[in-house]
Amino acid sequence: MTPSPTETAGSRDFVKQSSLYQEFLAEREEILKHKWIESERLGYDIGFERALLDWIRKHRDSWRAARRAQLATGATPPVEAKK
């Protein structure tokens, strides 16, 4: 049985509002920033996979700690603009 279009849209909205998805989007944005900075520094596109692995190794722990602290103080992280 296939879900109706309204069920599918409702599921999508639920997922987009979930904290897990919001965390994924925030982390992805940081990885893309890191990719841009490192690519500019090196003079060529380093690719997403290399940027991901480098960011995880160098920045993920401190980024997560800062994000947790920010959320604990009640400050809301910036919401990404819809494109």
PDB file of N, CA and C in Angstrom:
ATOM      1  N   MET A   1       0.841  -1.179   0.000  1.00  0.00           N
ATOM      2  CA  MET A   1       0.000   0.000   0.000  1.00  0.00           C
ATOM      3  C   MET A   1       0.892   1.250   0.000  1.00  0.00           C
ATOM      4  N   THR A   2       0.679   2.120  -0.941  1.00  0.00           N
ATOM      5  CA  THR A   2       1.489   3.341  -1.028  1.00  0.00           C
ATOM      6  C   THR A   2       0.822   4.459  -0.235  1.00  0.00           C
ATOM      7  N   PRO A   3       1.639   5.297   0.416  1.00  0.00           N
ATOM      8  CA  PRO A   3       1.072   6.396   1.196  1.00  0.00           C
ATOM      9  C   PRO A   3       0.458   7.450   0.285  1.00  0.00           C
ATOM     10  N   SER A   4      -0.570   8.118   0.794  1.00  0.00           N
ATOM     11  CA  SER A   4      -1.195   9.187   0.026  1.00  0.00           C
ATOM     12  C   SER A   4      -0.267  10.390  -0.005  1.00  0.00           C
ATOM     13  N   PRO A   5      -0.453  11.298  -0.974  1.00  0.00           N
ATOM     14  CA  PRO A   5       0.420  12.485  -1.046  1.00  0.00           C
ATOM     15  C   PRO A   5       0.390  13.320   0.232  1.00  0.00           C
ATOM     16  N   THR A   6      -0.757  13.380   0.914  1.00  0.00           N
ATOM     17  CA  THR A   6      -0.818  14.172   2.149  1.00  0.00           C
ATOM     18  C   THR A   6      -0.047  13.487   3.270  1.00  0.00           C
ATOM     19  N   GLU A   7      -0.081  12.143   3.321  1.00  0.00           N
ATOM     20  CA  GLU A   7       0.703  11.419   4.320  1.00  0.00           C
ATOM     21  C   GLU A   7       2.193  11.647   4.079  1.00  0.00           C
ATOM     22  N   THR A   8       2.609  11.596   2.831  1.00  0.00           N
ATOM     23  CA  THR A   8       4.008  11.795   2.481  1.00  0.00           C
ATOM     24  C   THR A   8       4.451  13.210   2.836  1.00  0.00           C
ATOM     25  N   ALA A   9       3.642  14.216   2.516  1.00  0.00           N
ATOM     26  CA  ALA A   9       3.979  15.607   2.833  1.00  0.00           C
ATOM     27  C   ALA A   9       4.040  15.806   4.341  1.00  0.00           C
ATOM     28  N   GLY A  10       3.124  15.207   5.066  1.00  0.00           N
ATOM     29  CA  GLY A  10       3.133  15.317   6.526  1.00  0.00           C
ATOM     30  C   GLY A  10       4.365  14.684   7.126  1.00  0.00           C
ATOM     31  N   SER A  11       4.765  13.551   6.593  1.00  0.00           N
ATOM     32  CA  SER A  11       5.971  12.874   7.069  1.00  0.00           C
ATOM     33  C   SER A  11       7.198  13.723   6.801  1.00  0.00           C
ATOM     34  N   ARG A  12       7.244  14.330   5.619  1.00  0.00           N
ATOM     35  CA  ARG A  12       8.377  15.190   5.269  1.00  0.00           C
ATOM     36  C   ARG A  12       8.462  16.379   6.218  1.00  0.00           C
ATOM     37  N   ASP A  13       7.321  16.993   6.514  1.00  0.00           N
ATOM     38  CA  ASP A  13       7.309  18.136   7.428  1.00  0.00           C
ATOM     39  C   ASP A  13       7.777  17.723   8.816  1.00  0.00           C
ATOM     40  N   PHE A  14       7.338  16.560   9.266  1.00  0.00           N
ATOM     41  CA  PHE A  14       7.756  16.066  10.578  1.00  0.00           C
ATOM     42  C   PHE A  14       9.266  15.876  10.626  1.00  0.00           C
ATOM     43  N   VAL A  15       9.808  15.267   9.585  1.00  0.00           N
ATOM     44  CA  VAL A  15      11.255  15.022   9.530  1.00  0.00           C
ATOM     45  C   VAL A  15      12.011  16.343   9.502  1.00  0.00           C
ATOM     46  N   LYS A  16      11.558  17.289   8.702  1.00  0.00           N
ATOM     47  CA  LYS A  16      12.250  18.580   8.590  1.00  0.00           C
ATOM     48  C   LYS A  16      12.253  19.342   9.904  1.00  0.00           C
ATOM     49  N   GLN A  17      11.259  19.119  10.748  1.00  0.00           N
ATOM     50  CA  GLN A  17      11.179  19.816  12.028  1.00  0.00           C
ATOM     51  C   GLN A  17      11.874  19.069  13.153  1.00  0.00           C
ATOM     52  N   SER A  18      12.314  17.847  12.905  1.00  0.00           N
ATOM     53  CA  SER A  18      12.941  17.055  13.964  1.00  0.00           C
ATOM     54  C   SER A  18      14.307  17.639  14.339  1.00  0.00           C
ATOM     55  N   SER A  19      14.656  17.481  15.602  1.00  0.00           N
ATOM     56  CA  SER A  19      15.935  18.014  16.073  1.00  0.00           C
ATOM     57  C   SER A  19      17.106  17.282  15.420  1.00  0.00           C
ATOM     58  N   LEU A  20      16.933  16.004  15.138  1.00  0.00           N
ATOM     59  CA  LEU A  20      17.997  15.241  14.486  1.00  0.00           C
ATOM     60  C   LEU A  20      18.290  15.793  13.096  1.00  0.00           C
ATOM     61  N   TYR A  21      17.241  16.096  12.340  1.00  0.00           N
ATOM     62  CA  TYR A  21      17.419  16.648  10.992  1.00  0.00           C
ATOM     63  C   TYR A  21      18.029  18.044  11.068  1.00  0.00           C
ATOM     64  N   GLN A  22      17.610  18.846  12.035  1.00  0.00           N
ATOM     65  CA  GLN A  22      18.162  20.188  12.194  1.00  0.00           C
ATOM     66  C   GLN A  22      19.652  20.119  12.541  1.00  0.00           C
ATOM     67  N   GLU A  23      20.011  19.136  13.364  1.00  0.00           N
ATOM     68  CA  GLU A  23      21.419  18.943  13.711  1.00  0.00           C
ATOM     69  C   GLU A  23      22.221  18.535  12.470  1.00  0.00           C
ATOM     70  N   PHE A  24      21.655  17.646  11.671  1.00  0.00           N
ATOM     71  CA  PHE A  24      22.291  17.224  10.417  1.00  0.00           C
ATOM     72  C   PHE A  24      22.535  18.418   9.507  1.00  0.00           C
ATOM     73  N   LEU A  25      21.519  19.271   9.342  1.00  0.00           N
ATOM     74  CA  LEU A  25      21.658  20.437   8.467  1.00  0.00           C
ATOM     75  C   LEU A  25      22.727  21.402   8.975  1.00  0.00           C
ATOM     76  N   ALA A  26      22.758  21.616  10.281  1.00  0.00           N
ATOM     77  CA  ALA A  26      23.753  22.526  10.855  1.00  0.00           C
ATOM     78  C   ALA A  26      25.163  21.972  10.659  1.00  0.00           C
ATOM     79  N   GLU A  27      25.317  20.672  10.886  1.00  0.00           N
ATOM     80  CA  GLU A  27      26.635  20.049  10.719  1.00  0.00           C
ATOM     81  C   GLU A  27      27.055  20.089   9.249  1.00  0.00           C
ATOM     82  N   ARG A  28      26.132  19.798   8.364  1.00  0.00           N
ATOM     83  CA  ARG A  28      26.424  19.828   6.920  1.00  0.00           C
ATOM     84  C   ARG A  28      26.882  21.220   6.494  1.00  0.00           C
ATOM     85  N   GLU A  29      26.228  22.240   7.016  1.00  0.00           N
ATOM     86  CA  GLU A  29      26.591  23.621   6.692  1.00  0.00           C
ATOM     87  C   GLU A  29      28.023  23.923   7.135  1.00  0.00           C
ATOM     88  N   GLU A  30      28.392  23.457   8.322  1.00  0.00           N
ATOM     89  CA  GLU A  30      29.758  23.659   8.812  1.00  0.00           C
ATOM     90  C   GLU A  30      30.779  22.934   7.943  1.00  0.00           C
ATOM     91  N   ILE A  31      30.437  21.736   7.495  1.00  0.00           N
ATOM     92  CA  ILE A  31      31.336  20.974   6.623  1.00  0.00           C
ATOM     93  C   ILE A  31      31.519  21.703   5.296  1.00  0.00           C
ATOM     94  N   LEU A  32      30.444  22.241   4.752  1.00  0.00           N
ATOM     95  CA  LEU A  32      30.532  22.979   3.486  1.00  0.00           C
ATOM     96  C   LEU A  32      31.365  24.247   3.637  1.00  0.00           C
ATOM     97  N   LYS A  33      31.243  24.925   4.794  1.00  0.00           N
ATOM     98  CA  LYS A  33      32.089  26.100   5.057  1.00  0.00           C
ATOM     99  C   LYS A  33      33.556  25.685   5.107  1.00  0.00           C
ATOM    100  N   HIS A  34      33.814  24.580   5.807  1.00  0.00           N
ATOM    101  CA  HIS A  34      35.187  24.073   5.916  1.00  0.00           C
ATOM    102  C   HIS A  34      35.736  23.714   4.536  1.00  0.00           C
ATOM    103  N   LYS A  35      34.912  23.092   3.715  1.00  0.00           N
ATOM    104  CA  LYS A  35      35.307  22.724   2.352  1.00  0.00           C
ATOM    105  C   LYS A  35      35.698  23.971   1.567  1.00  0.00           C
ATOM    106  N   TRP A  36      34.898  25.017   1.670  1.00  0.00           N
ATOM    107  CA  TRP A  36      35.174  26.251   0.937  1.00  0.00           C
ATOM    108  C   TRP A  36      36.481  26.884   1.431  1.00  0.00           C
ATOM    109  N   ILE A  37      36.642  26.974   2.746  1.00  0.00           N
ATOM    110  CA  ILE A  37      37.843  27.605   3.309  1.00  0.00           C
ATOM    111  C   ILE A  37      39.102  26.838   2.904  1.00  0.00           C
ATOM    112  N   GLU A  38      39.062  25.537   3.059  1.00  0.00           N
ATOM    113  CA  GLU A  38      40.245  24.729   2.725  1.00  0.00           C
ATOM    114  C   GLU A  38      40.524  24.725   1.219  1.00  0.00           C
ATOM    115  N   SER A  39      39.475  24.701   0.426  1.00  0.00           N
ATOM    116  CA  SER A  39      39.660  24.745  -1.032  1.00  0.00           C
ATOM    117  C   SER A  39      40.289  26.069  -1.453  1.00  0.00           C
ATOM    118  N   GLU A  40      39.840  27.162  -0.857  1.00  0.00           N
ATOM    119  CA  GLU A  40      40.427  28.474  -1.149  1.00  0.00           C
ATOM    120  C   GLU A  40      41.886  28.515  -0.711  1.00  0.00           C
ATOM    121  N   ARG A  41      42.153  27.979   0.455  1.00  0.00           N
ATOM    122  CA  ARG A  41      43.518  27.992   0.987  1.00  0.00           C
ATOM    123  C   ARG A  41      44.475  27.195   0.098  1.00  0.00           C
ATOM    124  N   LEU A  42      44.005  26.046  -0.387  1.00  0.00           N
ATOM    125  CA  LEU A  42      44.867  25.179  -1.192  1.00  0.00           C
ATOM    126  C   LEU A  42      44.856  25.523  -2.684  1.00  0.00           C
ATOM    127  N   GLY A  43      43.852  26.259  -3.117  1.00  0.00           N
ATOM    128  CA  GLY A  43      43.799  26.672  -4.517  1.00  0.00           C
ATOM    129  C   GLY A  43      43.097  25.696  -5.440  1.00  0.00           C
ATOM    130  N   TYR A  44      42.439  24.691  -4.857  1.00  0.00           N
ATOM    131  CA  TYR A  44      41.653  23.762  -5.674  1.00  0.00           C
ATOM    132  C   TYR A  44      40.549  23.151  -4.806  1.00  0.00           C
ATOM    133  N   ASP A  45      39.523  22.629  -5.460  1.00  0.00           N
ATOM    134  CA  ASP A  45      38.382  22.045  -4.761  1.00  0.00           C
ATOM    135  C   ASP A  45      38.811  20.720  -4.117  1.00  0.00           C
ATOM    136  N   ILE A  46      38.720  20.647  -2.793  1.00  0.00           N
ATOM    137  CA  ILE A  46      39.153  19.439  -2.099  1.00  0.00           C
ATOM    138  C   ILE A  46      38.079  18.350  -2.090  1.00  0.00           C
ATOM    139  N   GLY A  47      36.861  18.681  -2.453  1.00  0.00           N
ATOM    140  CA  GLY A  47      35.789  17.693  -2.480  1.00  0.00           C
ATOM    141  C   GLY A  47      35.124  17.532  -1.125  1.00  0.00           C
ATOM    142  N   PHE A  48      33.891  17.083  -1.157  1.00  0.00           N
ATOM    143  CA  PHE A  48      33.108  16.970   0.072  1.00  0.00           C
ATOM    144  C   PHE A  48      33.664  15.897   1.003  1.00  0.00           C
ATOM    145  N   GLU A  49      34.031  14.753   0.472  1.00  0.00           N
ATOM    146  CA  GLU A  49      34.483  13.659   1.329  1.00  0.00           C
ATOM    147  C   GLU A  49      35.737  14.037   2.117  1.00  0.00           C
ATOM    148  N   ARG A  50      36.699  14.646   1.448  1.00  0.00           N
ATOM    149  CA  ARG A  50      37.921  15.068   2.146  1.00  0.00           C
ATOM    150  C   ARG A  50      37.601  16.132   3.190  1.00  0.00           C
ATOM    151  N   ALA A  51      36.728  17.076   2.839  1.00  0.00           N
ATOM    152  CA  ALA A  51      36.338  18.119   3.784  1.00  0.00           C
ATOM    153  C   ALA A  51      35.621  17.512   4.987  1.00  0.00           C
ATOM    154  N   LEU A  52      34.753  16.554   4.737  1.00  0.00           N
ATOM    155  CA  LEU A  52      34.022  15.887   5.808  1.00  0.00           C
ATOM    156  C   LEU A  52      34.985  15.218   6.782  1.00  0.00           C
ATOM    157  N   LEU A  53      35.884  14.406   6.256  1.00  0.00           N
ATOM    158  CA  LEU A  53      36.817  13.684   7.116  1.00  0.00           C
ATOM    159  C   LEU A  53      37.736  14.636   7.876  1.00  0.00           C
ATOM    160  N   ASP A  54      38.207  15.687   7.217  1.00  0.00           N
ATOM    161  CA  ASP A  54      39.079  16.666   7.851  1.00  0.00           C
ATOM    162  C   ASP A  54      38.331  17.416   8.945  1.00  0.00           C
ATOM    163  N   TRP A  55      37.098  17.825   8.663  1.00  0.00           N
ATOM    164  CA  TRP A  55      36.287  18.566   9.639  1.00  0.00           C
ATOM    165  C   TRP A  55      35.984  17.697  10.856  1.00  0.00           C
ATOM    166  N   ILE A  56      35.639  16.439  10.620  1.00  0.00           N
ATOM    167  CA  ILE A  56      35.353  15.533  11.733  1.00  0.00           C
ATOM    168  C   ILE A  56      36.583  15.405  12.627  1.00  0.00           C
ATOM    169  N   ARG A  57      37.731  15.210  12.012  1.00  0.00           N
ATOM    170  CA  ARG A  57      38.964  15.019  12.755  1.00  0.00           C
ATOM    171  C   ARG A  57      39.381  16.271  13.532  1.00  0.00           C
ATOM    172  N   LYS A  58      39.224  17.428  12.909  1.00  0.00           N
ATOM    173  CA  LYS A  58      39.751  18.662  13.500  1.00  0.00           C
ATOM    174  C   LYS A  58      38.737  19.489  14.296  1.00  0.00           C
ATOM    175  N   HIS A  59      37.462  19.462  13.908  1.00  0.00           N
ATOM    176  CA  HIS A  59      36.528  20.448  14.454  1.00  0.00           C
ATOM    177  C   HIS A  59      35.239  19.914  15.069  1.00  0.00           C
ATOM    178  N   ARG A  60      34.856  18.696  14.772  1.00  0.00           N
ATOM    179  CA  ARG A  60      33.531  18.215  15.165  1.00  0.00           C
ATOM    180  C   ARG A  60      33.302  18.239  16.675  1.00  0.00           C
ATOM    181  N   ASP A  61      34.236  17.740  17.449  1.00  0.00           N
ATOM    182  CA  ASP A  61      34.047  17.682  18.905  1.00  0.00           C
ATOM    183  C   ASP A  61      33.824  19.071  19.506  1.00  0.00           C
ATOM    184  N   SER A  62      34.666  20.019  19.129  1.00  0.00           N
ATOM    185  CA  SER A  62      34.521  21.368  19.689  1.00  0.00           C
ATOM    186  C   SER A  62      33.252  22.039  19.177  1.00  0.00           C
ATOM    187  N   TRP A  63      32.884  21.782  17.922  1.00  0.00           N
ATOM    188  CA  TRP A  63      31.658  22.358  17.371  1.00  0.00           C
ATOM    189  C   TRP A  63      30.444  21.825  18.118  1.00  0.00           C
ATOM    190  N   ARG A  64      30.421  20.524  18.351  1.00  0.00           N
ATOM    191  CA  ARG A  64      29.295  19.918  19.075  1.00  0.00           C
ATOM    192  C   ARG A  64      29.212  20.439  20.509  1.00  0.00           C
ATOM    193  N   ALA A  65      30.344  20.567  21.180  1.00  0.00           N
ATOM    194  CA  ALA A  65      30.356  21.077  22.549  1.00  0.00           C
ATOM    195  C   ALA A  65      29.822  22.505  22.592  1.00  0.00           C
ATOM    196  N   ALA A  66      30.258  23.332  21.659  1.00  0.00           N
ATOM    197  CA  ALA A  66      29.792  24.718  21.600  1.00  0.00           C
ATOM    198  C   ALA A  66      28.303  24.768  21.277  1.00  0.00           C
ATOM    199  N   ARG A  67      27.863  23.906  20.402  1.00  0.00           N
ATOM    200  CA  ARG A  67      26.437  23.875  20.038  1.00  0.00           C
ATOM    201  C   ARG A  67      25.591  23.424  21.225  1.00  0.00           C
ATOM    202  N   ARG A  68      26.054  22.396  21.942  1.00  0.00           N
ATOM    203  CA  ARG A  68      25.323  21.925  23.131  1.00  0.00           C
ATOM    204  C   ARG A  68      25.232  23.028  24.180  1.00  0.00           C
ATOM    205  N   ALA A  69      26.333  23.732  24.387  1.00  0.00           N
ATOM    206  CA  ALA A  69      26.347  24.825  25.363  1.00  0.00           C
ATOM    207  C   ALA A  69      25.387  25.930  24.949  1.00  0.00           C
ATOM    208  N   GLN A  70      25.384  26.230  23.673  1.00  0.00           N
ATOM    209  CA  GLN A  70      24.496  27.268  23.148  1.00  0.00           C
ATOM    210  C   GLN A  70      23.036  26.867  23.350  1.00  0.00           C
ATOM    211  N   LEU A  71      22.710  25.622  23.069  1.00  0.00           N
ATOM    212  CA  LEU A  71      21.339  25.144  23.238  1.00  0.00           C
ATOM    213  C   LEU A  71      20.953  25.072  24.714  1.00  0.00           C
ATOM    214  N   ALA A  72      21.901  24.741  25.588  1.00  0.00           N
ATOM    215  CA  ALA A  72      21.628  24.634  27.021  1.00  0.00           C
ATOM    216  C   ALA A  72      21.314  25.989  27.644  1.00  0.00           C
ATOM    217  N   THR A  73      21.910  27.055  27.113  1.00  0.00           N
ATOM    218  CA  THR A  73      21.661  28.389  27.655  1.00  0.00           C
ATOM    219  C   THR A  73      20.366  28.988  27.129  1.00  0.00           C
ATOM    220  N   GLY A  74      19.721  28.240  26.245  1.00  0.00           N
ATOM    221  CA  GLY A  74      18.450  28.721  25.698  1.00  0.00           C
ATOM    222  C   GLY A  74      18.601  29.548  24.443  1.00  0.00           C
ATOM    223  N   ALA A  75      19.826  29.790  24.052  1.00  0.00           N
ATOM    224  CA  ALA A  75      20.054  30.525  22.800  1.00  0.00           C
ATOM    225  C   ALA A  75      19.728  29.589  21.655  1.00  0.00           C
ATOM    226  N   THR A  76      18.981  30.078  20.705  1.00  0.00           N
ATOM    227  CA  THR A  76      18.657  29.240  19.565  1.00  0.00           C
ATOM    228  C   THR A  76      19.684  29.435  18.476  1.00  0.00           C
ATOM    229  N   PRO A  77      20.172  28.351  17.906  1.00  0.00           N
ATOM    230  CA  PRO A  77      21.122  28.482  16.813  1.00  0.00           C
ATOM    231  C   PRO A  77      20.458  29.146  15.625  1.00  0.00           C
ATOM    232  N   PRO A  78      21.228  29.808  14.782  1.00  0.00           N
ATOM    233  CA  PRO A  78      20.618  30.479  13.637  1.00  0.00           C
ATOM    234  C   PRO A  78      19.936  29.464  12.713  1.00  0.00           C
ATOM    235  N   VAL A  79      18.778  29.848  12.234  1.00  0.00           N
ATOM    236  CA  VAL A  79      18.040  29.006  11.302  1.00  0.00           C
ATOM    237  C   VAL A  79      18.536  29.298   9.905  1.00  0.00           C
ATOM    238  N   GLU A  80      18.826  28.247   9.163  1.00  0.00           N
ATOM    239  CA  GLU A  80      19.321  28.406   7.803  1.00  0.00           C
ATOM    240  C   GLU A  80      18.214  28.978   6.916  1.00  0.00           C
ATOM    241  N   ALA A  81      18.592  29.887   6.067  1.00  0.00           N
ATOM    242  CA  ALA A  81      17.637  30.467   5.126  1.00  0.00           C
ATOM    243  C   ALA A  81      17.244  29.428   4.095  1.00  0.00           C
ATOM    244  N   LYS A  82      15.973  29.403   3.765  1.00  0.00           N
ATOM    245  CA  LYS A  82      15.514  28.465   2.732  1.00  0.00           C
ATOM    246  C   LYS A  82      15.892  29.003   1.383  1.00  0.00           C
ATOM    247  N   LYS A  83      16.375  28.085   0.535  1.00  0.00           N
ATOM    248  CA  LYS A  83      16.827  28.493  -0.786  1.00  0.00           C
ATOM    249  C   LYS A  83      15.791  28.194  -1.817  1.00  0.00           C
TER     250      LYS A  83
END
